[in-house]
C-alpha cells in the first residue's frame, strides 16, 4: 500500500474544491441537458483518475482540469 503523505490529502481537497466550483459555474449553462452532460463529463473525469497515487500526476491532472473548465465554463472565476 502506498504511503499517503500530507501533500496527497491536500491535493484531494483541491480536487473536491475544483469539482464544487465546476458545479457552481455550470449553473450558468441555460440548457438543462447541456448542464447535466457537462457535470457528468467532469464527474467521469474525476472517477477515471480516482485511483492515481502519484502526486506529480495528480497535480498535472488538476492543472489540466482547471484549464478545460475555464474554456468550457468562462464564468468560473475562482478556478
Protein backbone atom coordinates (compact mmCIF):
# COMPACT_ATOMS: atom_id res chain seq x y z
CA UNK A 1 0.00 0.00 0.00
CA UNK A 2 1.39 3.41 -0.93
CA UNK A 3 2.38 5.82 1.80
CA UNK A 4 -0.04 8.75 1.54
CA UNK A 5 1.50 11.91 2.88
CA UNK A 6 0.14 15.33 3.69
CA UNK A 7 0.59 16.52 0.10
CA UNK A 8 -1.71 13.77 -1.17
CA UNK A 9 -4.51 14.79 1.18
CA UNK A 10 -4.07 18.47 0.30
CA UNK A 11 -4.42 17.54 -3.37
CA UNK A 12 -7.52 15.52 -2.53
CA UNK A 13 -9.10 18.64 -1.05
CA UNK A 14 -8.08 20.67 -4.12
CA UNK A 15 -9.88 18.18 -6.36
CA UNK A 16 -13.03 18.41 -4.23
CA UNK A 17 -12.84 22.21 -4.33
CA UNK A 18 -12.36 22.13 -8.11
CA UNK A 19 -15.38 19.85 -8.52
CA UNK A 20 -17.60 22.08 -6.40
CA UNK A 21 -16.53 25.18 -8.31
CA UNK A 22 -17.23 23.44 -11.62
CA UNK A 23 -20.72 22.55 -10.41
CA UNK A 24 -21.34 26.15 -9.36
CA UNK A 25 -20.01 27.52 -12.66
CA UNK A 26 -22.20 25.13 -14.65
CA UNK A 27 -25.30 26.80 -13.20
CA UNK A 28 -24.85 29.47 -15.87
CA UNK A 29 -25.45 26.97 -18.66
CA UNK A 30 -29.01 27.73 -19.78
CA UNK A 31 -29.83 24.33 -21.30
CA UNK A 32 -30.53 21.78 -18.53
CA UNK A 33 -29.44 18.86 -20.70
CA UNK A 34 -26.13 20.52 -21.59
CA UNK A 35 -25.60 21.35 -17.94
CA UNK A 36 -26.17 17.77 -16.82
CA UNK A 37 -23.90 16.46 -19.59
CA UNK A 38 -21.15 18.87 -18.53
CA UNK A 39 -21.44 17.80 -14.90
CA UNK A 40 -21.47 14.13 -15.91
CA UNK A 41 -18.36 14.64 -18.06
CA UNK A 42 -16.48 16.33 -15.24
CA UNK A 43 -17.56 13.69 -12.75
CA UNK A 44 -16.44 10.91 -15.08
CA UNK A 45 -13.02 12.56 -15.42
CA UNK A 46 -12.63 12.61 -11.66
CA UNK A 47 -13.82 9.00 -11.33
CA UNK A 48 -11.47 7.87 -14.09
CA UNK A 49 -8.48 9.30 -12.21
CA UNK A 50 -9.69 8.28 -8.78
CA UNK A 51 -7.01 5.69 -8.12
CA UNK A 52 -3.99 7.81 -9.01
CA UNK A 53 -1.42 7.97 -6.23
CA UNK A 54 1.49 9.81 -7.86
CA UNK A 55 1.42 13.39 -6.57
CA UNK A 56 3.01 14.85 -9.71
CA UNK A 57 0.44 13.20 -11.98
CA UNK A 58 -2.42 14.37 -9.74
CA UNK A 59 -1.10 17.96 -9.83
CA UNK A 60 -0.88 17.77 -13.63
CA UNK A 61 -4.45 16.46 -13.87
CA UNK A 62 -5.70 19.29 -11.63
CA UNK A 63 -3.96 21.88 -13.82
CA UNK A 64 -5.42 20.32 -16.96
CA UNK A 65 -8.91 20.19 -15.46
CA UNK A 66 -8.73 23.86 -14.45
CA UNK A 67 -7.73 24.83 -17.96
CA UNK A 68 -10.55 22.80 -19.51
CA UNK A 69 -13.12 24.19 -17.10
CA UNK A 70 -12.05 27.75 -17.91
CA UNK A 71 -12.50 27.03 -21.61
CA UNK A 72 -15.87 25.32 -21.23
CA UNK A 73 -17.28 27.47 -18.43
CA UNK A 74 -15.94 31.02 -18.80
CA UNK A 75 -17.92 32.12 -15.73
CA UNK A 76 -15.64 30.10 -13.45
CA UNK A 77 -13.54 32.93 -11.99
CA UNK A 78 -12.22 31.12 -8.93
CA UNK A 79 -10.69 28.16 -10.76
